[in-house]
C-alpha cells in the first residue's frame, strides 16, 4: 500500500511538471499545444546524445537537454505559431499545426535513434533509499522535490513579479494587455520558453529513472493534459494537484482492474470532471457578460 502510494506520487509529479508547461501555454494562446510532447521527447534525447554519444558529464547532459528543449519551444512559437497568429489562424489551425509538429519531430527521433528504449542514466541500478518502509531511488526523490520546487517557483513568479502580472494580463485579455503597452508576442515567447524548460526537466528525470523512447512525449502529454483539465487550466496549483490525482488514479486503479485499464481509468475521471466540474479544481468558472 505505502509503496503504491509512493509510486503514485512519483508518477504524479512527472505529470504535474508536464501539466504546468502545457497549462501555461494554453493560458496565453488558448489552444492545445501537442508539440509540447515532442519537446519532452527531444529534450530527453538531447541529454542522451550529450551523455552517451558525446561522453560529456551527466550534469552537462542535463543542462544541454534543458537548453535544447527551451530553444525548441521558442523556435516552434516564433517560426510557426506566431506566423499563424499574424495570419489570424483559428485555434483549430494552431492545434492541427502543433499535432503535425509532434508527429514530425517524433518520427525524426525514431529515424535517427530507432524505436527501442534507450538508457540515459550512468552507472548501475541502485537499490533505493528506505523512507517510512517504502523504497525510492535518488532520482525518484529528486522528481518529488523538483515538482514541489518548480510549482512554488512558478506560483511565485506569476503572483509576485511584474512578468507574472504581464502573463496573467495576456492570459485574461491579450487585446487589452496590448493596449496597456504589454508586448504580447514577447510574453508568449517567454511562456513557451518557461513551459518547455519545465517539460525538459521532467523528461530528463524520467530518462534517469527508467528509459527514453520516441513516444514518451506523447504518453506524458496525454497524462499532463488530463492533469491540466482536472486541476484547471492556467492554475499552477491546479496542475500540481491534477498531476498527483492522475498518478493516484493510475496506480490505485490497477489494484482491482488489469493494467490495460490504467489510462482508461484516468480519462473516465477526466470525463466526469468535464461533466460535473469543467473548470477543474482551481479553475474559474466562466460567466457570460452582458452589456
C-alpha atoms as a PDB file:
ATOM      1  CA  UNK A   1       0.000   0.000   0.000  1.00  0.00           C
ATOM      2  CA  UNK A   2       2.679   2.512   1.010  1.00  0.00           C
ATOM      3  CA  UNK A   3       4.887   1.566  -1.930  1.00  0.00           C
ATOM      4  CA  UNK A   4       1.982   2.021  -4.354  1.00  0.00           C
ATOM      5  CA  UNK A   5       1.337   5.439  -2.824  1.00  0.00           C
ATOM      6  CA  UNK A   6       4.992   6.376  -3.268  1.00  0.00           C
ATOM      7  CA  UNK A   7       4.985   5.219  -6.891  1.00  0.00           C
ATOM      8  CA  UNK A   8       1.802   7.221  -7.489  1.00  0.00           C
ATOM      9  CA  UNK A   9       3.452  10.345  -6.071  1.00  0.00           C
ATOM     10  CA  UNK A  10       6.468   9.924  -8.366  1.00  0.00           C
ATOM     11  CA  UNK A  11       4.332   9.394 -11.480  1.00  0.00           C
ATOM     12  CA  UNK A  12       2.003  12.229 -10.471  1.00  0.00           C
ATOM     13  CA  UNK A  13       4.969  14.566 -10.047  1.00  0.00           C
ATOM     14  CA  UNK A  14       6.045  13.956 -13.641  1.00  0.00           C
ATOM     15  CA  UNK A  15       2.507  14.615 -14.866  1.00  0.00           C
ATOM     16  CA  UNK A  16       2.416  17.810 -12.802  1.00  0.00           C
ATOM     17  CA  UNK A  17       5.588  19.087 -14.466  1.00  0.00           C
ATOM     18  CA  UNK A  18       4.147  18.390 -17.917  1.00  0.00           C
ATOM     19  CA  UNK A  19       0.814  19.946 -16.937  1.00  0.00           C
ATOM     20  CA  UNK A  20       2.442  23.168 -15.695  1.00  0.00           C
ATOM     21  CA  UNK A  21       4.061  23.878 -19.056  1.00  0.00           C
ATOM     22  CA  UNK A  22       1.074  22.675 -21.052  1.00  0.00           C
ATOM     23  CA  UNK A  23      -1.320  24.793 -18.986  1.00  0.00           C
ATOM     24  CA  UNK A  24       0.945  27.861 -19.199  1.00  0.00           C
ATOM     25  CA  UNK A  25       0.940  27.770 -22.991  1.00  0.00           C
ATOM     26  CA  UNK A  26      -2.811  27.214 -23.167  1.00  0.00           C
ATOM     27  CA  UNK A  27      -3.497  30.139 -20.845  1.00  0.00           C
ATOM     28  CA  UNK A  28      -1.876  32.678 -23.204  1.00  0.00           C
ATOM     29  CA  UNK A  29      -2.668  31.086 -26.587  1.00  0.00           C
ATOM     30  CA  UNK A  30      -5.953  29.225 -25.977  1.00  0.00           C
ATOM     31  CA  UNK A  31      -5.016  26.122 -27.947  1.00  0.00           C
ATOM     32  CA  UNK A  32      -3.751  22.643 -27.074  1.00  0.00           C
ATOM     33  CA  UNK A  33      -0.041  22.628 -27.928  1.00  0.00           C
ATOM     34  CA  UNK A  34       0.522  18.967 -28.815  1.00  0.00           C
ATOM     35  CA  UNK A  35       4.108  19.824 -29.783  1.00  0.00           C
ATOM     36  CA  UNK A  36       4.745  20.107 -26.041  1.00  0.00           C
ATOM     37  CA  UNK A  37       5.039  16.310 -26.092  1.00  0.00           C
ATOM     38  CA  UNK A  38       7.643  16.497 -28.863  1.00  0.00           C
ATOM     39  CA  UNK A  39       9.688  18.976 -26.789  1.00  0.00           C
ATOM     40  CA  UNK A  40       9.532  16.474 -23.922  1.00  0.00           C
ATOM     41  CA  UNK A  41      10.989  13.670 -26.062  1.00  0.00           C
ATOM     42  CA  UNK A  42      13.523  15.908 -27.829  1.00  0.00           C
ATOM     43  CA  UNK A  43      14.933  17.148 -24.510  1.00  0.00           C
ATOM     44  CA  UNK A  44      15.490  13.612 -23.234  1.00  0.00           C
ATOM     45  CA  UNK A  45      17.244  12.562 -26.440  1.00  0.00           C
ATOM     46  CA  UNK A  46      19.391  15.707 -26.413  1.00  0.00           C
ATOM     47  CA  UNK A  47      20.591  14.704 -22.962  1.00  0.00           C
ATOM     48  CA  UNK A  48      21.141  11.146 -24.212  1.00  0.00           C
ATOM     49  CA  UNK A  49      23.325  12.327 -27.122  1.00  0.00           C
ATOM     50  CA  UNK A  50      25.387  14.545 -24.818  1.00  0.00           C
ATOM     51  CA  UNK A  51      25.996  11.825 -22.206  1.00  0.00           C
ATOM     52  CA  UNK A  52      26.142   8.606 -24.220  1.00  0.00           C
ATOM     53  CA  UNK A  53      27.476   9.712 -27.599  1.00  0.00           C
ATOM     54  CA  UNK A  54      29.483  12.841 -26.846  1.00  0.00           C
ATOM     55  CA  UNK A  55      30.660  11.364 -23.499  1.00  0.00           C
ATOM     56  CA  UNK A  56      30.031  14.536 -21.547  1.00  0.00           C
ATOM     57  CA  UNK A  57      29.306  14.517 -17.839  1.00  0.00           C
ATOM     58  CA  UNK A  58      25.801  13.819 -16.616  1.00  0.00           C
ATOM     59  CA  UNK A  59      25.472  17.394 -15.333  1.00  0.00           C
ATOM     60  CA  UNK A  60      26.439  18.727 -18.760  1.00  0.00           C
ATOM     61  CA  UNK A  61      23.963  16.375 -20.427  1.00  0.00           C
ATOM     62  CA  UNK A  62      21.163  17.566 -18.162  1.00  0.00           C
ATOM     63  CA  UNK A  63      21.997  21.205 -18.877  1.00  0.00           C
ATOM     64  CA  UNK A  64      22.165  20.583 -22.630  1.00  0.00           C
ATOM     65  CA  UNK A  65      18.822  18.755 -22.586  1.00  0.00           C
ATOM     66  CA  UNK A  66      17.141  21.661 -20.804  1.00  0.00           C
ATOM     67  CA  UNK A  67      18.692  24.249 -23.124  1.00  0.00           C
ATOM     68  CA  UNK A  68      17.750  22.314 -26.275  1.00  0.00           C
ATOM     69  CA  UNK A  69      14.190  21.842 -25.013  1.00  0.00           C
ATOM     70  CA  UNK A  70      13.861  25.541 -24.200  1.00  0.00           C
ATOM     71  CA  UNK A  71      15.230  26.611 -27.581  1.00  0.00           C
ATOM     72  CA  UNK A  72      12.963  24.147 -29.402  1.00  0.00           C
ATOM     73  CA  UNK A  73       9.927  25.553 -27.598  1.00  0.00           C
ATOM     74  CA  UNK A  74      10.865  29.127 -28.535  1.00  0.00           C
ATOM     75  CA  UNK A  75      11.526  28.140 -32.170  1.00  0.00           C
ATOM     76  CA  UNK A  76       8.129  26.482 -32.552  1.00  0.00           C
ATOM     77  CA  UNK A  77       6.478  29.626 -31.195  1.00  0.00           C
ATOM     78  CA  UNK A  78       8.442  32.164 -33.250  1.00  0.00           C
ATOM     79  CA  UNK A  79       8.737  30.198 -36.505  1.00  0.00           C
ATOM     80  CA  UNK A  80       5.304  28.529 -36.605  1.00  0.00           C
ATOM     81  CA  UNK A  81       2.656  29.721 -34.169  1.00  0.00           C
ATOM     82  CA  UNK A  82       3.460  33.438 -34.302  1.00  0.00           C
ATOM     83  CA  UNK A  83       3.307  33.418 -38.088  1.00  0.00           C
ATOM     84  CA  UNK A  84      -0.040  31.641 -37.971  1.00  0.00           C
ATOM     85  CA  UNK A  85      -1.400  34.139 -35.441  1.00  0.00           C
ATOM     86  CA  UNK A  86      -0.280  37.012 -37.683  1.00  0.00           C
ATOM     87  CA  UNK A  87      -2.432  35.472 -40.403  1.00  0.00           C
ATOM     88  CA  UNK A  88      -5.347  35.284 -37.919  1.00  0.00           C
ATOM     89  CA  UNK A  89      -5.342  31.485 -37.857  1.00  0.00           C
ATOM     90  CA  UNK A  90      -8.063  29.901 -35.748  1.00  0.00           C
ATOM     91  CA  UNK A  91      -7.297  27.813 -32.650  1.00  0.00           C
ATOM     92  CA  UNK A  92      -8.201  24.726 -34.698  1.00  0.00           C
ATOM     93  CA  UNK A  93      -5.455  25.547 -37.223  1.00  0.00           C
ATOM     94  CA  UNK A  94      -2.941  26.085 -34.431  1.00  0.00           C
ATOM     95  CA  UNK A  95      -3.946  22.797 -32.838  1.00  0.00           C
ATOM     96  CA  UNK A  96      -3.521  20.881 -36.106  1.00  0.00           C
ATOM     97  CA  UNK A  97      -0.156  22.563 -36.663  1.00  0.00           C
ATOM     98  CA  UNK A  98       1.021  21.503 -33.226  1.00  0.00           C
ATOM     99  CA  UNK A  99      -0.150  17.955 -33.900  1.00  0.00           C
ATOM    100  CA  UNK A 100       1.830  17.989 -37.145  1.00  0.00           C
ATOM    101  CA  UNK A 101       4.934  19.174 -35.285  1.00  0.00           C
ATOM    102  CA  UNK A 102       4.514  16.376 -32.750  1.00  0.00           C
ATOM    103  CA  UNK A 103       4.309  13.733 -35.471  1.00  0.00           C
ATOM    104  CA  UNK A 104       7.240  15.148 -37.478  1.00  0.00           C
ATOM    105  CA  UNK A 105       9.606  15.508 -34.503  1.00  0.00           C
ATOM    106  CA  UNK A 106       8.641  12.131 -33.073  1.00  0.00           C
ATOM    107  CA  UNK A 107       9.279  10.446 -36.424  1.00  0.00           C
ATOM    108  CA  UNK A 108      12.624  12.197 -36.828  1.00  0.00           C
ATOM    109  CA  UNK A 109      13.641  10.877 -33.413  1.00  0.00           C
ATOM    110  CA  UNK A 110      12.594   7.366 -34.472  1.00  0.00           C
ATOM    111  CA  UNK A 111      14.525   7.748 -37.736  1.00  0.00           C
ATOM    112  CA  UNK A 112      17.812   8.667 -36.045  1.00  0.00           C
ATOM    113  CA  UNK A 113      17.601   6.582 -32.858  1.00  0.00           C
ATOM    114  CA  UNK A 114      15.153   3.781 -33.625  1.00  0.00           C
ATOM    115  CA  UNK A 115      12.179   2.807 -31.517  1.00  0.00           C
ATOM    116  CA  UNK A 116      13.994   0.673 -28.951  1.00  0.00           C
ATOM    117  CA  UNK A 117      14.287   2.114 -25.426  1.00  0.00           C
ATOM    118  CA  UNK A 118      17.487   3.974 -24.576  1.00  0.00           C
ATOM    119  CA  UNK A 119      19.042   4.425 -21.148  1.00  0.00           C
ATOM    120  CA  UNK A 120      20.134   7.881 -20.069  1.00  0.00           C
ATOM    121  CA  UNK A 121      21.405   7.099 -16.590  1.00  0.00           C
ATOM    122  CA  UNK A 122      25.024   6.281 -15.914  1.00  0.00           C
ATOM    123  CA  UNK A 123      26.290   3.573 -13.565  1.00  0.00           C
ATOM    124  CA  UNK A 124      24.337   0.621 -12.214  1.00  0.00           C
ATOM    125  CA  UNK A 125      20.813   0.415 -10.864  1.00  0.00           C
ATOM    126  CA  UNK A 126      20.714   1.442  -7.212  1.00  0.00           C
ATOM    127  CA  UNK A 127      18.625  -0.353  -4.630  1.00  0.00           C
ATOM    128  CA  UNK A 128      16.968   2.802  -3.406  1.00  0.00           C
ATOM    129  CA  UNK A 129      16.599   4.586  -0.096  1.00  0.00           C
ATOM    130  CA  UNK A 130      14.203   3.286   2.565  1.00  0.00           C
ATOM    131  CA  UNK A 131      11.828   6.042   3.732  1.00  0.00           C
ATOM    132  CA  UNK A 132       8.903   5.141   6.013  1.00  0.00           C
ATOM    133  CA  UNK A 133       9.011   1.480   4.894  1.00  0.00           C
ATOM    134  CA  UNK A 134       8.980   2.369   1.178  1.00  0.00           C
ATOM    135  CA  UNK A 135      11.911   2.434  -1.222  1.00  0.00           C
ATOM    136  CA  UNK A 136      12.645   5.331  -3.525  1.00  0.00           C
ATOM    137  CA  UNK A 137      15.677   5.848  -5.717  1.00  0.00           C
ATOM    138  CA  UNK A 138      17.636   9.086  -5.534  1.00  0.00           C
ATOM    139  CA  UNK A 139      16.195  10.087  -8.905  1.00  0.00           C
ATOM    140  CA  UNK A 140      12.633   9.491  -7.677  1.00  0.00           C
ATOM    141  CA  UNK A 141      13.300  11.640  -4.620  1.00  0.00           C
ATOM    142  CA  UNK A 142      14.669  14.307  -6.953  1.00  0.00           C
ATOM    143  CA  UNK A 143      11.479  14.084  -9.039  1.00  0.00           C
ATOM    144  CA  UNK A 144       9.336  14.721  -5.965  1.00  0.00           C
ATOM    145  CA  UNK A 145      11.476  17.646  -4.816  1.00  0.00           C
ATOM    146  CA  UNK A 146      11.710  19.132  -8.322  1.00  0.00           C
ATOM    147  CA  UNK A 147       7.924  19.079  -8.654  1.00  0.00           C
ATOM    148  CA  UNK A 148       7.467  20.932  -5.369  1.00  0.00           C
ATOM    149  CA  UNK A 149      10.242  23.463  -6.059  1.00  0.00           C
ATOM    150  CA  UNK A 150       9.142  24.234  -9.630  1.00  0.00           C
ATOM    151  CA  UNK A 151       5.497  24.518  -8.585  1.00  0.00           C
ATOM    152  CA  UNK A 152       6.359  27.000  -5.829  1.00  0.00           C
ATOM    153  CA  UNK A 153       8.674  28.926  -8.162  1.00  0.00           C
ATOM    154  CA  UNK A 154       6.085  29.134 -10.942  1.00  0.00           C
ATOM    155  CA  UNK A 155       3.396  30.253  -8.493  1.00  0.00           C
ATOM    156  CA  UNK A 156       5.694  32.916  -7.010  1.00  0.00           C
ATOM    157  CA  UNK A 157       6.678  34.228 -10.445  1.00  0.00           C
ATOM    158  CA  UNK A 158       3.048  34.507 -11.518  1.00  0.00           C
ATOM    159  CA  UNK A 159       1.868  36.180  -8.326  1.00  0.00           C
ATOM    160  CA  UNK A 160       4.839  38.215  -7.117  1.00  0.00           C
ATOM    161  CA  UNK A 161       6.643  39.571 -10.176  1.00  0.00           C
ATOM    162  CA  UNK A 162       5.929  42.084 -12.935  1.00  0.00           C
ATOM    163  CA  UNK A 163       6.494  39.388 -15.548  1.00  0.00           C
ATOM    164  CA  UNK A 164       3.899  37.246 -13.819  1.00  0.00           C
ATOM    165  CA  UNK A 165       1.429  40.136 -13.850  1.00  0.00           C
ATOM    166  CA  UNK A 166       2.037  40.564 -17.570  1.00  0.00           C
ATOM    167  CA  UNK A 167       1.460  36.851 -18.180  1.00  0.00           C
ATOM    168  CA  UNK A 168      -1.799  36.979 -16.246  1.00  0.00           C
ATOM    169  CA  UNK A 169      -2.846  40.085 -18.163  1.00  0.00           C
ATOM    170  CA  UNK A 170      -2.208  38.416 -21.524  1.00  0.00           C
ATOM    171  CA  UNK A 171      -3.999  35.294 -20.318  1.00  0.00           C
ATOM    172  CA  UNK A 172      -7.023  37.347 -19.274  1.00  0.00           C
ATOM    173  CA  UNK A 173      -7.310  39.596 -22.348  1.00  0.00           C
ATOM    174  CA  UNK A 174      -4.486  39.824 -24.942  1.00  0.00           C
ATOM    175  CA  UNK A 175      -6.016  42.819 -26.746  1.00  0.00           C
ATOM    176  CA  UNK A 176      -6.438  44.810 -23.547  1.00  0.00           C
ATOM    177  CA  UNK A 177      -2.913  43.855 -22.467  1.00  0.00           C
ATOM    178  CA  UNK A 178      -1.562  45.150 -25.792  1.00  0.00           C
ATOM    179  CA  UNK A 179      -3.451  48.424 -25.328  1.00  0.00           C
ATOM    180  CA  UNK A 180      -1.705  48.816 -21.964  1.00  0.00           C
ATOM    181  CA  UNK A 181       1.740  48.567 -23.538  1.00  0.00           C
ATOM    182  CA  UNK A 182       2.462  44.888 -22.944  1.00  0.00           C
ATOM    183  CA  UNK A 183       4.373  43.144 -25.741  1.00  0.00           C
ATOM    184  CA  UNK A 184       2.059  40.144 -26.124  1.00  0.00           C
ATOM    185  CA  UNK A 185       4.319  38.252 -28.542  1.00  0.00           C
ATOM    186  CA  UNK A 186       7.272  38.586 -26.198  1.00  0.00           C
ATOM    187  CA  UNK A 187       5.227  37.362 -23.223  1.00  0.00           C
ATOM    188  CA  UNK A 188       4.006  34.349 -25.216  1.00  0.00           C
ATOM    189  CA  UNK A 189       7.609  33.575 -26.199  1.00  0.00           C
ATOM    190  CA  UNK A 190       8.664  33.728 -22.528  1.00  0.00           C
ATOM    191  CA  UNK A 191       5.832  31.366 -21.601  1.00  0.00           C
ATOM    192  CA  UNK A 192       6.861  28.889 -24.300  1.00  0.00           C
ATOM    193  CA  UNK A 193      10.453  29.052 -23.059  1.00  0.00           C
ATOM    194  CA  UNK A 194       9.475  28.510 -19.420  1.00  0.00           C
ATOM    195  CA  UNK A 195       6.967  25.752 -20.206  1.00  0.00           C
ATOM    196  CA  UNK A 196       9.452  23.943 -22.441  1.00  0.00           C
ATOM    197  CA  UNK A 197      12.185  24.187 -19.805  1.00  0.00           C
ATOM    198  CA  UNK A 198       9.903  22.613 -17.184  1.00  0.00           C
ATOM    199  CA  UNK A 199       8.961  19.849 -19.638  1.00  0.00           C
ATOM    200  CA  UNK A 200      12.650  19.264 -20.393  1.00  0.00           C
ATOM    201  CA  UNK A 201      13.434  18.862 -16.700  1.00  0.00           C
ATOM    202  CA  UNK A 202      10.634  16.308 -16.374  1.00  0.00           C
ATOM    203  CA  UNK A 203      11.807  14.408 -19.467  1.00  0.00           C
ATOM    204  CA  UNK A 204      15.399  14.129 -18.282  1.00  0.00           C
ATOM    205  CA  UNK A 205      14.275  12.959 -14.851  1.00  0.00           C
ATOM    206  CA  UNK A 206      12.129  10.284 -16.487  1.00  0.00           C
ATOM    207  CA  UNK A 207      15.136   9.220 -18.582  1.00  0.00           C
ATOM    208  CA  UNK A 208      17.278   8.934 -15.479  1.00  0.00           C
ATOM    209  CA  UNK A 209      14.597   6.968 -13.629  1.00  0.00           C
ATOM    210  CA  UNK A 210      13.539   4.497 -16.340  1.00  0.00           C
ATOM    211  CA  UNK A 211      14.338   4.847 -20.042  1.00  0.00           C
ATOM    212  CA  UNK A 212      13.517   7.008 -23.055  1.00  0.00           C
ATOM    213  CA  UNK A 213      11.565   6.230 -26.239  1.00  0.00           C
ATOM    214  CA  UNK A 214      10.402   8.400 -29.165  1.00  0.00           C
ATOM    215  CA  UNK A 215       6.788   8.109 -27.991  1.00  0.00           C
ATOM    216  CA  UNK A 216       7.481   9.039 -24.373  1.00  0.00           C
ATOM    217  CA  UNK A 217       6.444  12.631 -25.033  1.00  0.00           C
ATOM    218  CA  UNK A 218       3.030  11.693 -26.388  1.00  0.00           C
ATOM    219  CA  UNK A 219       2.311   9.450 -23.404  1.00  0.00           C
ATOM    220  CA  UNK A 220       3.393  12.159 -20.975  1.00  0.00           C
ATOM    221  CA  UNK A 221       1.362  14.736 -22.907  1.00  0.00           C
ATOM    222  CA  UNK A 222      -1.848  12.727 -22.561  1.00  0.00           C
ATOM    223  CA  UNK A 223      -1.463  12.432 -18.799  1.00  0.00           C
ATOM    224  CA  UNK A 224      -0.275  16.035 -18.494  1.00  0.00           C
ATOM    225  CA  UNK A 225      -3.304  17.292 -20.431  1.00  0.00           C
ATOM    226  CA  UNK A 226      -5.551  15.189 -18.194  1.00  0.00           C
ATOM    227  CA  UNK A 227      -3.866  16.717 -15.138  1.00  0.00           C
ATOM    228  CA  UNK A 228      -4.321  20.245 -16.522  1.00  0.00           C
ATOM    229  CA  UNK A 229      -8.019  19.626 -17.189  1.00  0.00           C
ATOM    230  CA  UNK A 230      -8.592  18.160 -13.732  1.00  0.00           C
ATOM    231  CA  UNK A 231      -6.637  20.908 -11.972  1.00  0.00           C
ATOM    232  CA  UNK A 232      -7.950  23.794 -14.053  1.00  0.00           C
ATOM    233  CA  UNK A 233      -6.168  25.399 -16.987  1.00  0.00           C
ATOM    234  CA  UNK A 234      -3.906  28.309 -16.145  1.00  0.00           C
ATOM    235  CA  UNK A 235      -3.540  27.325 -12.479  1.00  0.00           C
ATOM    236  CA  UNK A 236      -0.124  26.218 -11.220  1.00  0.00           C
ATOM    237  CA  UNK A 237      -1.607  24.714  -8.067  1.00  0.00           C
ATOM    238  CA  UNK A 238      -4.231  23.044 -10.229  1.00  0.00           C
ATOM    239  CA  UNK A 239      -1.543  21.435 -12.397  1.00  0.00           C
ATOM    240  CA  UNK A 240       0.201  20.220  -9.250  1.00  0.00           C
ATOM    241  CA  UNK A 241      -2.960  18.748  -7.731  1.00  0.00           C
ATOM    242  CA  UNK A 242      -4.214  17.359 -11.050  1.00  0.00           C
ATOM    243  CA  UNK A 243      -0.931  15.580 -11.732  1.00  0.00           C
ATOM    244  CA  UNK A 244      -0.940  13.930  -8.322  1.00  0.00           C
ATOM    245  CA  UNK A 245      -4.565  12.829  -8.747  1.00  0.00           C
ATOM    246  CA  UNK A 246      -3.773  11.304 -12.151  1.00  0.00           C
ATOM    247  CA  UNK A 247      -0.877   9.409 -10.585  1.00  0.00           C
ATOM    248  CA  UNK A 248      -3.113   8.125  -7.791  1.00  0.00           C
ATOM    249  CA  UNK A 249      -5.875   7.079 -10.187  1.00  0.00           C
ATOM    250  CA  UNK A 250      -3.409   5.223 -12.414  1.00  0.00           C
ATOM    251  CA  UNK A 251      -1.689   3.261  -9.688  1.00  0.00           C
ATOM    252  CA  UNK A 252      -4.573   2.567  -7.337  1.00  0.00           C
ATOM    253  CA  UNK A 253      -6.978   1.767 -10.172  1.00  0.00           C
ATOM    254  CA  UNK A 254      -4.961  -1.221 -11.336  1.00  0.00           C
ATOM    255  CA  UNK A 255      -5.350  -2.885  -7.956  1.00  0.00           C
ATOM    256  CA  UNK A 256      -8.757  -4.189  -8.996  1.00  0.00           C
ATOM    257  CA  UNK A 257      -8.510  -3.932 -12.799  1.00  0.00           C
ATOM    258  CA  UNK A 258      -5.998  -5.160 -15.412  1.00  0.00           C
ATOM    259  CA  UNK A 259      -3.110  -2.846 -16.268  1.00  0.00           C
ATOM    260  CA  UNK A 260      -4.648  -2.259 -19.730  1.00  0.00           C
ATOM    261  CA  UNK A 261      -7.238  -0.112 -17.942  1.00  0.00           C
ATOM    262  CA  UNK A 262      -4.638   2.170 -16.356  1.00  0.00           C
ATOM    263  CA  UNK A 263      -5.022   5.037 -18.838  1.00  0.00           C
ATOM    264  CA  UNK A 264      -8.725   4.414 -19.432  1.00  0.00           C
ATOM    265  CA  UNK A 265      -9.460   4.964 -15.740  1.00  0.00           C
ATOM    266  CA  UNK A 266      -7.730   8.345 -15.902  1.00  0.00           C
ATOM    267  CA  UNK A 267      -9.855   9.541 -18.800  1.00  0.00           C
ATOM    268  CA  UNK A 268     -13.032   8.309 -17.156  1.00  0.00           C
ATOM    269  CA  UNK A 269     -12.147  10.642 -14.289  1.00  0.00           C
ATOM    270  CA  UNK A 270     -11.413  13.436 -16.813  1.00  0.00           C
ATOM    271  CA  UNK A 271     -14.819  12.880 -18.405  1.00  0.00           C
ATOM    272  CA  UNK A 272     -16.505  13.125 -15.015  1.00  0.00           C
ATOM    273  CA  UNK A 273     -14.703  16.423 -14.346  1.00  0.00           C
ATOM    274  CA  UNK A 274     -15.722  17.791 -17.742  1.00  0.00           C
ATOM    275  CA  UNK A 275     -19.356  16.955 -16.987  1.00  0.00           C
ATOM    276  CA  UNK A 276     -19.631  17.991 -13.342  1.00  0.00           C
ATOM    277  CA  UNK A 277     -16.773  20.476 -12.814  1.00  0.00           C
ATOM    278  CA  UNK A 278     -15.387  21.616 -16.190  1.00  0.00           C
ATOM    279  CA  UNK A 279     -13.298  24.380 -14.597  1.00  0.00           C
ATOM    280  CA  UNK A 280     -11.289  21.805 -12.619  1.00  0.00           C
ATOM    281  CA  UNK A 281     -10.037  22.073  -9.042  1.00  0.00           C
ATOM    282  CA  UNK A 282      -8.702  25.635  -9.133  1.00  0.00           C
ATOM    283  CA  UNK A 283     -10.026  26.998 -12.424  1.00  0.00           C
ATOM    284  CA  UNK A 284     -12.506  29.838 -12.503  1.00  0.00           C
ATOM    285  CA  UNK A 285     -15.982  29.292 -13.802  1.00  0.00           C
ATOM    286  CA  UNK A 286     -16.590  31.376 -16.904  1.00  0.00           C
ATOM    287  CA  UNK A 287     -19.674  33.572 -16.959  1.00  0.00           C
ATOM    288  CA  UNK A 288     -21.318  35.369 -19.820  1.00  0.00           C
ATOM    289  CA  UNK A 289     -21.077  39.141 -19.710  1.00  0.00           C
ATOM    290  CA  UNK A 290     -23.988  41.280 -20.873  1.00  0.00           C
ATOM    291  CA  UNK A 291     -23.553  44.917 -21.933  1.00  0.00           C
END
